[in-house]
Amino acid sequence: MKKQYFVADTNIFLLDAKEAIHSFAPKKEGVENHLIIPYIVLEEMDKFKDEDYTSRGENSRKFSYELKKIISESKKSISESIEISKNYFIRVEYNYDGSLERKLKSQHDSKNNDNIILSIADTLKNNGDGYVELVTNDTNLYLKGSSVGLSVSDWEAVKSVKKYDDLYKGWRELVVKEEIIDFLIDGKHALPIEELELENLPRPNEYFILKSRGEYKLPSFRFEVPNTREFMIGKYHKDISGLENGGIIKVPLRAGNDSGILGIKSRDYEQSMALDALLRPDIKLVSLIGPAGTGKTLLSIAAGLHQLNTHGSKKGEDLYETVLIARPNIPMGKDIGYLPGDTIKKMAPWIQPIFDNITRSMSEHLIRKINKSPSGRRELESMSPSELKDYLIDNDILQIQPLAHIRGRSLENMILIVDEAQNLDPLEAKTIITRAGEGTKIIMTGDPQQIDKKGLTEVTNGLCYASEKMKDERITATMFMEIGQRSELATIASKNL
C-alpha cells in the first residue's frame, strides 16, 4: 500500500484546528496517509490557549481538545500512529536525525522552530518509507522547505480557488444584439436567459454588463447615464414566474438623473451593480471585493443608513433597526484594555476610516430622513458630520464594535458591515455569518491584495473564502470592484506606481 506523510506546520491549525486534523484522510483506495505533527507545534499552539477573543485562542483550545479526544478513544500514545479513520493515521513526532538541523544551525546562530519542522520532514524523507510533504501557509517556511529539497504545499482545504484570477467576480460583460437592450429598456419584463445563448446558467444574482457594440468603451470615472441603446446592466434571477430557467432583469444605474441614496449616486457601472445588491432585501450576504478608493465602504455605509427603519414600522426600503460596523484589526482584550477612555474613544484610531465616509452631503440627507420620523429632532439640522456621528452612536442607530464582541451574539434586524474582511480567516468568516439572525443582512468588504494577518493569502482569506463557498446560494451576491473613484490622481497612481 502506498504511504504518504504530511508534516503539518503550526499555522494550518491556527486557521481551523479541527478541519486541519481531519483533512488529510486518503481520498482513494490503496493509499495510507499519515498526519505528522512535529512536537514543537504543540508548544507553539499552547502559547495561544489563553486568548479569549481571537480565532487563534479558539483554535488552540480546539487543537488540544481534538488530540486529547483521539488519545482517549484509542487508548494509545499520540507518539504512536493512531488510526482515526480508514487508512488515516496521526502522530506527534519528536525524533529526527539532526543532520539537516546541524547544517541549518551552522548558518544561523540560534535554534529555530522552523528548522526542527524541516528536520523532522527531512528525516522522514530519508527513511524512504513513502512520499513526504511539508504543509504550510507560511511563505518563508515554504521557501526554506523547497530550498532543502522537500516537497512543500499550501494547505488546500482553506483555498477557495487555486489562484486569485479564478475567483468568482460576480459579474461579466457581454456583447448582445441591440434588440435585447431595447427589450429591457422599460424594465417591465425579464429577458429569458436562453436569449443570451450562454454555455451554462449564470449563478444566482450574477450581474451582466450588456453592450450592443464590442468596441463600445464603458463609462467609468464619475459617469453620467450613457446612451441606453449601447449599454445596460442586468441581473440574473433564477425564480421568475413563467421562465423555467429564470431571466435577466434591468438594474437601475442610480446615476445622473436616477435617484441615489442619501445624496450618494453611482460613479461607475461597478458601483451601480454594488448598490443594487446592497439595497435588495432578498440578498442577505454581499461581498464587495477590490482595492481602496472603489467605494466599497462608502456605499455600504450609505446603503445601511438609507435602509434604517426610523418610522417605527417597516415600509419601503426602511428595513433595519441598526447599522453595526466591525473591523477585524481592532485590538482586543489586554491590548485595548490598557488604553484610557471609553470603548469608542479607544477604538478611534482603527475606526476613523469608517467615520471619514460619513460626508456632509450624506449627513444632510440622513438628518432629513430622521426628522421625518415620529421621534425626529429639529435640532439635528445644524449638526456637523462629526456631531451627527456622535448622535447616531449615542442612540444605538450606528454601532461600532471589535469583531470579537460579535461572538456568541444573535444579530437580528440589522445591517452588519464587516470592513477590512480580507483580514479574517475562514473560521472567523463562518463564525460571523452564522451569527446572522432573522432580518439581518451582512456586508463584507475588503481588498485581498492588502492582507495584514500572518498566514492568510489572497485566496485563503475569509472574505474570498466566504464569497467562493456561498456563490451558488440565491441569497448572496459578490461584486469585484476595480475602478477607483477617490480622485483621478489616485486612480492613475494606483495603476502606474
Protein backbone atom coordinates (compact mmCIF):
# COMPACT_ATOMS: atom_id res chain seq x y z
CA MET A 1 0.00 0.00 0.00
CA LYS A 2 1.30 3.45 -0.92
CA LYS A 3 2.19 5.58 2.11
CA GLN A 4 2.07 9.37 2.29
CA TYR A 5 3.34 11.52 5.16
CA PHE A 6 2.09 15.09 5.64
CA VAL A 7 4.19 17.14 8.06
CA ALA A 8 1.99 19.98 9.32
CA ASP A 9 3.14 23.47 10.28
CA THR A 10 1.51 25.35 13.18
CA ASN A 11 -0.27 27.92 11.04
CA ILE A 12 -2.69 25.49 9.44
CA PHE A 13 -4.04 24.51 12.87
CA LEU A 14 -4.41 28.17 13.79
CA LEU A 15 -6.70 28.63 10.79
CA ASP A 16 -9.06 25.74 11.60
CA ALA A 17 -7.70 23.15 14.02
CA LYS A 18 -10.42 20.52 13.75
CA GLU A 19 -10.60 20.70 9.96
CA ALA A 20 -6.81 20.51 9.68
CA ILE A 21 -6.57 17.40 11.87
CA HIS A 22 -9.10 15.52 9.75
CA SER A 23 -8.43 16.92 6.26
CA PHE A 24 -5.55 14.65 5.20
CA ALA A 25 -7.52 11.41 5.05
CA PRO A 26 -6.92 9.49 1.78
CA LYS A 27 -9.45 10.15 -0.95
CA LYS A 28 -8.90 6.90 -2.83
CA GLU A 29 -8.29 3.23 -2.13
CA GLY A 30 -4.79 1.78 -1.88
CA VAL A 31 -3.35 4.83 -0.10
CA GLU A 32 -2.33 5.15 3.56
CA ASN A 33 -1.96 8.72 4.82
CA HIS A 34 -0.13 9.85 7.95
CA LEU A 35 -0.52 13.30 9.51
CA ILE A 36 2.72 14.13 11.31
CA ILE A 37 2.57 16.88 13.94
CA PRO A 38 6.08 18.00 14.99
CA TYR A 39 6.28 18.25 18.78
CA ILE A 40 7.32 21.91 18.50
CA VAL A 41 3.88 22.60 17.01
CA LEU A 42 2.32 21.53 20.34
CA GLU A 43 4.43 24.14 22.11
CA GLU A 44 3.60 26.85 19.59
CA MET A 45 -0.14 26.11 19.77
CA ASP A 46 -0.04 26.21 23.57
CA LYS A 47 1.05 29.86 23.50
CA PHE A 48 -2.37 30.97 22.26
CA LYS A 49 -4.69 28.97 24.54
CA ASP A 50 -5.41 31.89 26.89
CA GLU A 51 -6.51 34.29 24.14
CA ASP A 52 -10.23 34.68 24.79
CA TYR A 53 -11.18 36.93 21.90
CA THR A 54 -9.23 35.58 18.96
CA SER A 55 -9.59 32.74 16.49
CA ARG A 56 -6.03 31.72 17.44
CA GLY A 57 -7.15 31.16 21.02
CA GLU A 58 -10.22 29.25 19.92
CA ASN A 59 -8.23 27.05 17.55
CA SER A 60 -5.53 26.44 20.16
CA ARG A 61 -8.14 25.07 22.54
CA LYS A 62 -9.85 23.05 19.80
CA PHE A 63 -6.50 21.58 18.77
CA SER A 64 -5.76 20.34 22.30
CA TYR A 65 -9.30 19.05 22.78
CA GLU A 66 -9.31 17.15 19.49
CA LEU A 67 -5.95 15.48 20.14
CA LYS A 68 -6.96 14.56 23.69
CA LYS A 69 -10.19 13.06 22.34
CA ILE A 70 -8.24 10.96 19.82
CA ILE A 71 -5.91 9.68 22.56
CA SER A 72 -8.78 8.90 24.94
CA GLU A 73 -10.79 6.98 22.35
CA SER A 74 -7.82 4.98 21.05
CA LYS A 75 -6.20 4.40 24.46
CA LYS A 76 -2.82 4.81 22.73
CA SER A 77 0.00 7.29 22.96
CA ILE A 78 -0.06 10.10 20.42
CA SER A 79 3.63 9.35 19.79
CA GLU A 80 2.41 6.16 18.10
CA SER A 81 0.46 6.15 14.86
CA ILE A 82 -3.22 6.25 15.85
CA GLU A 83 -5.68 5.31 13.11
CA ILE A 84 -8.53 7.84 13.26
CA SER A 85 -10.33 6.71 10.09
CA LYS A 86 -9.76 4.09 7.42
CA ASN A 87 -6.09 4.18 6.36
CA TYR A 88 -5.60 7.56 8.05
CA PHE A 89 -3.12 7.84 10.91
CA ILE A 90 -1.95 10.69 13.13
CA ARG A 91 1.05 11.05 15.41
CA VAL A 92 3.20 13.63 17.16
CA GLU A 93 6.83 13.28 16.09
CA TYR A 94 9.73 14.06 18.44
CA ASN A 95 12.52 12.26 16.63
CA TYR A 96 14.79 13.40 13.83
CA ASP A 97 18.38 12.55 12.95
CA GLY A 98 19.64 16.12 13.28
CA SER A 99 21.77 16.18 10.14
CA LEU A 100 19.72 18.86 8.44
CA GLU A 101 19.36 20.87 11.63
CA ARG A 102 23.15 20.88 12.07
CA LYS A 103 23.56 22.19 8.53
CA LEU A 104 20.96 24.88 9.12
CA LYS A 105 22.41 25.83 12.53
CA SER A 106 25.85 26.21 11.02
CA GLN A 107 24.43 29.12 9.05
CA HIS A 108 22.35 30.55 11.90
CA ASP A 109 23.25 31.40 15.49
CA SER A 110 20.15 30.17 17.29
CA LYS A 111 17.87 27.19 17.31
CA ASN A 112 14.82 27.80 15.16
CA ASN A 113 11.42 26.11 15.37
CA ASP A 114 11.18 26.09 11.58
CA ASN A 115 14.45 24.16 11.45
CA ILE A 116 13.01 21.47 13.74
CA ILE A 117 9.95 21.09 11.49
CA LEU A 118 12.20 20.92 8.43
CA SER A 119 14.45 18.34 10.12
CA ILE A 120 11.52 16.08 11.02
CA ALA A 121 10.27 16.20 7.42
CA ASP A 122 13.79 15.58 6.09
CA THR A 123 14.29 12.57 8.40
CA LEU A 124 11.01 11.02 7.23
CA LYS A 125 12.05 11.58 3.63
CA ASN A 126 15.45 9.95 4.20
CA ASN A 127 13.80 6.92 5.81
CA GLY A 128 12.35 6.13 2.37
CA ASP A 129 9.11 4.73 3.76
CA GLY A 130 6.86 6.78 1.49
CA TYR A 131 6.12 10.16 -0.04
CA VAL A 132 6.74 13.09 2.37
CA GLU A 133 5.24 16.55 2.04
CA LEU A 134 5.58 19.62 4.26
CA VAL A 135 2.28 21.50 4.54
CA THR A 136 2.45 25.17 5.48
CA ASN A 137 0.81 28.50 4.71
CA ASP A 138 3.94 30.33 5.87
CA THR A 139 5.66 31.65 2.75
CA ASN A 140 9.13 31.72 4.32
CA LEU A 141 8.91 28.13 5.59
CA TYR A 142 7.58 27.12 2.18
CA LEU A 143 10.68 28.64 0.57
CA LYS A 144 13.02 27.09 3.15
CA GLY A 145 11.48 23.66 2.66
CA SER A 146 11.77 23.87 -1.09
CA SER A 147 15.38 25.07 -0.86
CA VAL A 148 16.44 21.97 1.13
CA GLY A 149 14.79 19.60 -1.32
CA LEU A 150 11.47 18.90 0.38
CA SER A 151 8.11 18.65 -1.35
CA VAL A 152 6.06 21.55 0.01
CA SER A 153 2.44 22.63 -0.42
CA ASP A 154 -0.06 25.13 0.90
CA TRP A 155 -2.96 23.77 2.91
CA GLU A 156 -5.52 23.28 0.15
CA ALA A 157 -8.54 22.88 2.44
CA VAL A 158 -8.76 26.63 3.07
CA LYS A 159 -8.06 27.62 -0.52
CA SER A 160 -11.24 28.86 -2.14
CA VAL A 161 -9.60 28.54 -5.59
CA LYS A 162 -6.14 27.74 -6.95
CA LYS A 163 -5.26 31.31 -7.87
CA TYR A 164 -6.67 34.82 -7.41
CA ASP A 165 -7.76 35.25 -11.03
CA ASP A 166 -10.03 32.21 -10.69
CA LEU A 167 -12.20 33.82 -8.00
CA TYR A 168 -15.85 34.41 -8.88
CA LYS A 169 -16.20 38.08 -9.86
CA GLY A 170 -19.98 38.38 -9.56
CA TRP A 171 -20.42 39.95 -13.00
CA ARG A 172 -19.44 39.59 -16.61
CA GLU A 173 -19.51 41.63 -19.80
CA LEU A 174 -21.40 40.54 -22.94
CA VAL A 175 -21.94 41.93 -26.41
CA VAL A 176 -25.59 41.38 -27.37
CA LYS A 177 -27.99 42.30 -30.15
CA GLU A 178 -29.45 45.79 -29.89
CA GLU A 179 -32.92 44.24 -29.75
CA ILE A 180 -32.08 42.66 -26.39
CA ILE A 181 -31.23 46.04 -24.87
CA ASP A 182 -34.38 47.52 -26.44
CA PHE A 183 -36.43 44.75 -24.83
CA LEU A 184 -35.00 45.51 -21.38
CA ILE A 185 -35.11 49.33 -21.55
CA ASP A 186 -38.50 49.86 -19.89
CA GLY A 187 -37.63 47.47 -17.05
CA LYS A 188 -41.09 45.90 -17.12
CA HIS A 189 -40.17 42.48 -18.47
CA ALA A 190 -37.49 39.89 -17.80
CA LEU A 191 -35.43 38.56 -20.67
CA PRO A 192 -35.43 34.74 -20.84
CA ILE A 193 -31.89 33.63 -20.04
CA GLU A 194 -31.82 31.47 -23.17
CA GLU A 195 -31.68 34.68 -25.25
CA LEU A 196 -28.11 35.29 -24.10
CA GLU A 197 -27.00 31.91 -25.54
CA LEU A 198 -24.70 31.09 -22.63
CA GLU A 199 -22.97 27.72 -22.26
CA ASN A 200 -24.13 27.37 -18.64
CA LEU A 201 -26.73 29.02 -16.46
CA PRO A 202 -25.43 32.03 -14.51
CA ARG A 203 -25.03 31.92 -10.75
CA PRO A 204 -27.81 33.40 -8.60
CA ASN A 205 -27.68 37.22 -8.61
CA GLU A 206 -24.91 37.32 -11.20
CA TYR A 207 -24.75 40.67 -12.96
CA PHE A 208 -24.29 41.36 -16.67
CA ILE A 209 -22.96 44.40 -18.48
CA LEU A 210 -24.74 44.25 -21.82
CA LYS A 211 -23.25 46.17 -24.75
CA SER A 212 -24.64 46.48 -28.26
CA ARG A 213 -21.17 47.11 -29.74
CA GLY A 214 -17.99 45.25 -28.85
CA GLU A 215 -15.83 48.34 -29.32
CA TYR A 216 -18.04 50.44 -27.03
CA LYS A 217 -15.92 51.70 -24.14
CA LEU A 218 -17.75 51.51 -20.84
CA PRO A 219 -18.04 54.82 -18.96
CA SER A 220 -16.11 54.71 -15.70
CA PHE A 221 -14.86 57.76 -13.83
CA ARG A 222 -17.85 59.70 -12.44
CA PHE A 223 -20.09 58.72 -15.30
CA GLU A 224 -23.49 60.09 -16.25
CA VAL A 225 -26.22 57.86 -17.69
CA PRO A 226 -24.97 56.85 -21.17
CA ASN A 227 -26.92 56.03 -24.31
CA THR A 228 -29.14 53.19 -23.09
CA ARG A 229 -29.14 51.51 -26.51
CA GLU A 230 -25.40 50.91 -26.23
CA PHE A 231 -25.05 49.89 -22.61
CA MET A 232 -27.23 48.37 -19.91
CA ILE A 233 -26.82 46.49 -16.65
CA GLY A 234 -28.88 43.40 -15.99
CA LYS A 235 -29.03 40.77 -13.28
CA TYR A 236 -29.91 37.11 -13.42
CA HIS A 237 -32.89 35.94 -11.40
CA LYS A 238 -33.45 32.21 -11.23
CA ASP A 239 -37.01 32.30 -9.91
CA ILE A 240 -39.17 34.26 -12.35
CA SER A 241 -42.75 33.23 -13.00
CA GLY A 242 -43.21 31.80 -16.48
CA LEU A 243 -39.47 31.41 -17.15
CA GLU A 244 -38.28 27.87 -16.49
CA ASN A 245 -34.59 28.77 -16.21
CA GLY A 246 -35.01 32.32 -15.00
CA GLY A 247 -34.07 35.52 -16.78
CA ILE A 248 -32.33 38.88 -16.84
CA ILE A 249 -33.92 41.98 -15.31
CA LYS A 250 -32.82 45.58 -15.72
CA VAL A 251 -30.71 47.10 -12.93
CA PRO A 252 -31.09 50.86 -12.23
CA LEU A 253 -27.87 52.81 -12.71
CA ARG A 254 -28.58 55.25 -9.85
CA ALA A 255 -26.52 57.88 -11.65
CA GLY A 256 -27.25 61.12 -13.47
CA ASN A 257 -30.97 61.81 -13.11
CA ASP A 258 -31.62 58.47 -11.40
CA SER A 259 -32.34 58.60 -7.69
CA GLY A 260 -29.40 57.95 -5.37
CA ILE A 261 -29.29 57.16 -1.64
CA LEU A 262 -28.61 59.81 0.99
CA GLY A 263 -27.17 62.05 -1.71
CA ILE A 264 -24.82 59.32 -2.94
CA LYS A 265 -25.03 58.33 -6.60
CA SER A 266 -23.19 55.71 -8.55
CA ARG A 267 -19.98 56.91 -10.18
CA ASP A 268 -19.41 53.86 -12.37
CA TYR A 269 -21.11 50.67 -13.53
CA GLU A 270 -19.47 48.60 -10.75
CA GLN A 271 -20.99 50.89 -8.13
CA SER A 272 -24.39 50.58 -9.85
CA MET A 273 -24.26 46.81 -9.51
CA ALA A 274 -22.98 47.01 -5.94
CA LEU A 275 -25.78 49.38 -4.90
CA ASP A 276 -28.37 47.05 -6.39
CA ALA A 277 -27.07 44.14 -4.29
CA LEU A 278 -26.79 46.32 -1.17
CA LEU A 279 -30.39 47.53 -1.46
CA ARG A 280 -32.12 44.25 -2.28
CA PRO A 281 -33.73 42.75 0.85
CA ASP A 282 -33.69 39.23 -0.63
CA ILE A 283 -29.86 39.28 -0.75
CA LYS A 284 -28.63 38.55 2.77
CA LEU A 285 -24.86 38.36 2.17
CA VAL A 286 -22.97 40.81 -0.05
CA SER A 287 -19.22 40.58 -0.68
CA LEU A 288 -17.59 43.72 -2.10
CA ILE A 289 -14.03 42.95 -3.15
CA GLY A 290 -11.46 45.35 -4.54
CA PRO A 291 -8.78 47.95 -3.85
CA ALA A 292 -9.13 51.11 -1.79
CA GLY A 293 -10.94 54.01 -3.42
CA THR A 294 -13.53 51.96 -5.30
CA GLY A 295 -16.33 52.98 -2.93
CA LYS A 296 -16.87 49.71 -1.06
CA THR A 297 -17.12 51.17 2.45
CA LEU A 298 -18.86 54.39 1.38
CA LEU A 299 -21.61 52.55 -0.49
CA SER A 300 -22.04 50.01 2.31
CA ILE A 301 -22.47 52.68 4.99
CA ALA A 302 -24.75 54.79 2.78
CA ALA A 303 -26.90 51.76 1.93
CA GLY A 304 -27.07 50.73 5.58
CA LEU A 305 -28.11 54.17 6.86
CA HIS A 306 -30.52 54.59 3.93
CA GLN A 307 -32.37 51.43 4.93
CA LEU A 308 -32.70 52.32 8.63
CA ASN A 309 -36.20 51.99 9.99
CA THR A 310 -36.85 55.40 11.54
CA HIS A 311 -40.64 55.15 11.30
CA GLY A 312 -41.38 52.50 13.90
CA SER A 313 -42.83 50.18 11.26
CA LYS A 314 -41.10 48.66 8.24
CA LYS A 315 -42.04 50.19 4.92
CA GLY A 316 -40.34 50.66 1.57
CA GLU A 317 -36.58 50.32 1.99
CA ASP A 318 -36.67 51.07 5.74
CA LEU A 319 -35.94 47.54 6.90
CA TYR A 320 -33.30 47.59 9.63
CA GLU A 321 -33.09 48.93 13.16
CA THR A 322 -29.32 49.31 13.46
CA VAL A 323 -26.17 49.51 11.38
CA LEU A 324 -23.35 47.61 13.10
CA ILE A 325 -19.84 48.11 11.74
CA ALA A 326 -16.97 45.84 12.74
CA ARG A 327 -13.33 45.57 11.74
CA PRO A 328 -11.13 42.51 12.39
CA ASN A 329 -7.96 44.51 13.02
CA ILE A 330 -9.23 46.37 16.12
CA PRO A 331 -7.17 45.08 19.10
CA MET A 332 -8.94 43.20 21.84
CA GLY A 333 -8.50 42.04 25.40
CA LYS A 334 -5.43 43.38 27.20
CA ASP A 335 -4.28 45.39 24.16
CA ILE A 336 -7.27 47.71 24.21
CA GLY A 337 -7.93 47.36 27.93
CA TYR A 338 -4.80 49.30 28.82
CA LEU A 339 -5.92 52.30 26.80
CA PRO A 340 -7.72 55.11 28.66
CA GLY A 341 -11.29 56.20 27.87
CA ASP A 342 -14.50 54.51 26.74
CA THR A 343 -14.66 51.86 24.02
CA ILE A 344 -15.39 54.19 21.11
CA LYS A 345 -12.53 56.51 22.05
CA LYS A 346 -10.19 53.56 22.46
CA MET A 347 -11.09 52.30 19.01
CA ALA A 348 -10.83 55.73 17.35
CA PRO A 349 -7.51 55.12 15.52
CA TRP A 350 -8.94 51.99 13.90
CA ILE A 351 -12.45 53.26 13.10
CA GLN A 352 -11.66 56.76 11.84
CA PRO A 353 -11.62 55.50 8.21
CA ILE A 354 -15.26 54.46 8.75
CA PHE A 355 -16.25 57.91 10.00
CA ASP A 356 -14.44 59.52 7.07
CA ASN A 357 -17.12 58.04 4.81
CA ILE A 358 -19.98 59.91 6.53
CA THR A 359 -19.81 63.01 4.35
CA ARG A 360 -21.62 66.30 4.86
CA SER A 361 -23.94 65.54 1.94
CA MET A 362 -24.80 62.15 3.43
CA SER A 363 -25.32 63.76 6.84
CA GLU A 364 -27.80 66.31 5.47
CA HIS A 365 -29.89 63.64 3.76
CA LEU A 366 -29.80 61.40 6.83
CA ILE A 367 -30.89 64.27 9.08
CA ARG A 368 -33.89 64.87 6.82
CA LYS A 369 -34.71 61.17 6.96
CA ILE A 370 -34.57 61.09 10.78
CA ASN A 371 -36.57 64.32 11.09
CA LYS A 372 -39.40 62.79 9.06
CA SER A 373 -39.80 60.07 11.69
CA PRO A 374 -42.19 60.47 14.67
CA SER A 375 -39.21 60.89 17.01
CA GLY A 376 -37.39 63.33 14.72
CA ARG A 377 -35.45 66.14 16.34
CA ARG A 378 -35.30 69.51 14.59
CA GLU A 379 -32.06 70.44 16.37
CA LEU A 380 -30.28 67.84 14.24
CA GLU A 381 -30.43 70.18 11.27
CA SER A 382 -27.43 72.22 12.39
CA MET A 383 -25.23 69.22 13.18
CA SER A 384 -21.87 68.66 11.53
CA PRO A 385 -21.00 65.14 10.28
CA SER A 386 -18.95 64.63 13.47
CA GLU A 387 -21.85 65.69 15.72
CA LEU A 388 -24.28 63.52 13.77
CA LYS A 389 -21.92 60.58 14.17
CA ASP A 390 -22.00 61.06 17.96
CA TYR A 391 -25.80 61.28 17.88
CA LEU A 392 -26.09 58.05 15.87
CA ILE A 393 -23.76 56.20 18.24
CA ASP A 394 -25.35 57.58 21.43
CA ASN A 395 -28.77 56.41 20.21
CA ASP A 396 -27.54 52.98 19.06
CA ILE A 397 -28.53 53.75 15.48
CA LEU A 398 -24.91 53.20 14.49
CA GLN A 399 -22.85 50.68 16.45
CA ILE A 400 -19.13 50.12 16.03
CA GLN A 401 -17.54 47.15 17.77
CA PRO A 402 -14.44 44.99 17.71
CA LEU A 403 -15.24 41.90 15.72
CA ALA A 404 -14.63 39.65 18.71
CA HIS A 405 -17.61 41.18 20.54
CA ILE A 406 -19.91 39.64 17.93
CA ARG A 407 -19.04 36.10 19.00
CA GLY A 408 -21.95 34.49 20.78
CA ARG A 409 -24.43 37.18 19.74
CA SER A 410 -27.51 36.58 17.63
CA LEU A 411 -27.69 39.55 15.28
CA GLU A 412 -31.26 40.40 14.33
CA ASN A 413 -32.88 43.18 12.28
CA MET A 414 -29.65 44.93 11.44
CA ILE A 415 -27.11 45.52 8.73
CA LEU A 416 -23.70 44.22 9.75
CA ILE A 417 -20.81 45.73 7.79
CA VAL A 418 -17.51 43.88 8.19
CA ASP A 419 -14.84 46.24 6.87
CA GLU A 420 -11.32 45.00 6.00
CA ALA A 421 -12.72 41.46 5.87
CA GLN A 422 -9.64 40.23 3.99
CA ASN A 423 -8.03 40.01 7.43
CA LEU A 424 -10.50 37.35 8.56
CA ASP A 425 -9.54 33.70 8.41
CA PRO A 426 -12.15 31.23 7.08
CA LEU A 427 -13.27 30.16 10.56
CA GLU A 428 -13.82 33.78 11.60
CA ALA A 429 -15.86 34.42 8.45
CA LYS A 430 -18.01 31.38 9.20
CA THR A 431 -18.47 32.48 12.81
CA ILE A 432 -19.69 35.92 11.72
CA ILE A 433 -22.07 34.73 9.01
CA THR A 434 -23.62 32.11 11.28
CA ARG A 435 -24.43 34.88 13.81
CA ALA A 436 -26.98 36.35 11.38
CA GLY A 437 -30.45 36.23 12.90
CA GLU A 438 -33.82 36.97 11.33
CA GLY A 439 -33.95 40.19 9.34
CA THR A 440 -30.17 40.72 9.18
CA LYS A 441 -28.02 41.48 6.16
CA ILE A 442 -24.23 41.04 6.21
CA ILE A 443 -21.92 43.12 4.01
CA MET A 444 -18.26 42.11 3.83
CA THR A 445 -15.77 44.48 2.20
CA GLY A 446 -12.04 44.25 1.65
CA ASP A 447 -9.00 44.08 -0.59
CA PRO A 448 -7.44 40.57 -0.75
CA GLN A 449 -4.19 42.07 -2.00
CA GLN A 450 -3.76 44.13 1.18
CA ILE A 451 -3.66 41.48 3.94
CA ASP A 452 -2.13 42.27 7.32
CA LYS A 453 -2.81 38.98 9.09
CA LYS A 454 0.01 36.45 9.05
CA GLY A 455 -0.78 33.14 7.37
CA LEU A 456 -3.54 34.42 5.08
CA THR A 457 -3.24 34.83 1.32
CA GLU A 458 -5.39 36.38 -1.38
CA VAL A 459 -7.17 33.03 -1.84
CA THR A 460 -7.26 31.72 1.76
CA ASN A 461 -8.65 34.82 3.50
CA GLY A 462 -12.16 34.70 4.93
CA LEU A 463 -13.61 37.29 2.55
CA CYS A 464 -12.77 35.33 -0.60
CA TYR A 465 -13.41 32.00 1.12
CA ALA A 466 -16.97 33.02 2.06
CA SER A 467 -17.68 34.56 -1.34
CA GLU A 468 -16.48 31.47 -3.18
CA LYS A 469 -18.22 28.94 -0.94
CA MET A 470 -21.54 30.85 -0.97
CA LYS A 471 -21.62 31.88 -4.64
CA ASP A 472 -24.31 29.36 -5.63
CA GLU A 473 -26.81 30.46 -2.99
CA ARG A 474 -29.82 32.57 -4.03
CA ILE A 475 -29.43 34.95 -1.05
CA THR A 476 -25.84 36.00 -1.78
CA ALA A 477 -24.09 38.32 -4.23
CA THR A 478 -20.45 39.13 -4.97
CA MET A 479 -19.06 42.23 -6.63
CA PHE A 480 -15.44 42.69 -7.68
CA MET A 481 -14.76 46.43 -7.92
CA GLU A 482 -11.66 47.77 -9.66
CA ILE A 483 -12.49 51.33 -10.76
CA GLY A 484 -11.02 53.93 -8.41
CA GLN A 485 -13.23 56.91 -7.56
CA ARG A 486 -11.27 58.63 -4.80
CA SER A 487 -9.77 61.07 -7.28
CA GLU A 488 -8.44 60.97 -10.80
CA LEU A 489 -4.90 61.29 -9.40
CA ALA A 490 -5.39 58.35 -7.01
CA THR A 491 -6.82 56.20 -9.81
CA ILE A 492 -3.92 56.92 -12.17
CA ALA A 493 -1.36 56.42 -9.39
CA SER A 494 -2.80 53.03 -8.41
CA LYS A 495 -2.26 51.83 -11.97
CA ASN A 496 1.12 53.39 -12.68
CA LEU A 497 3.04 53.42 -9.39
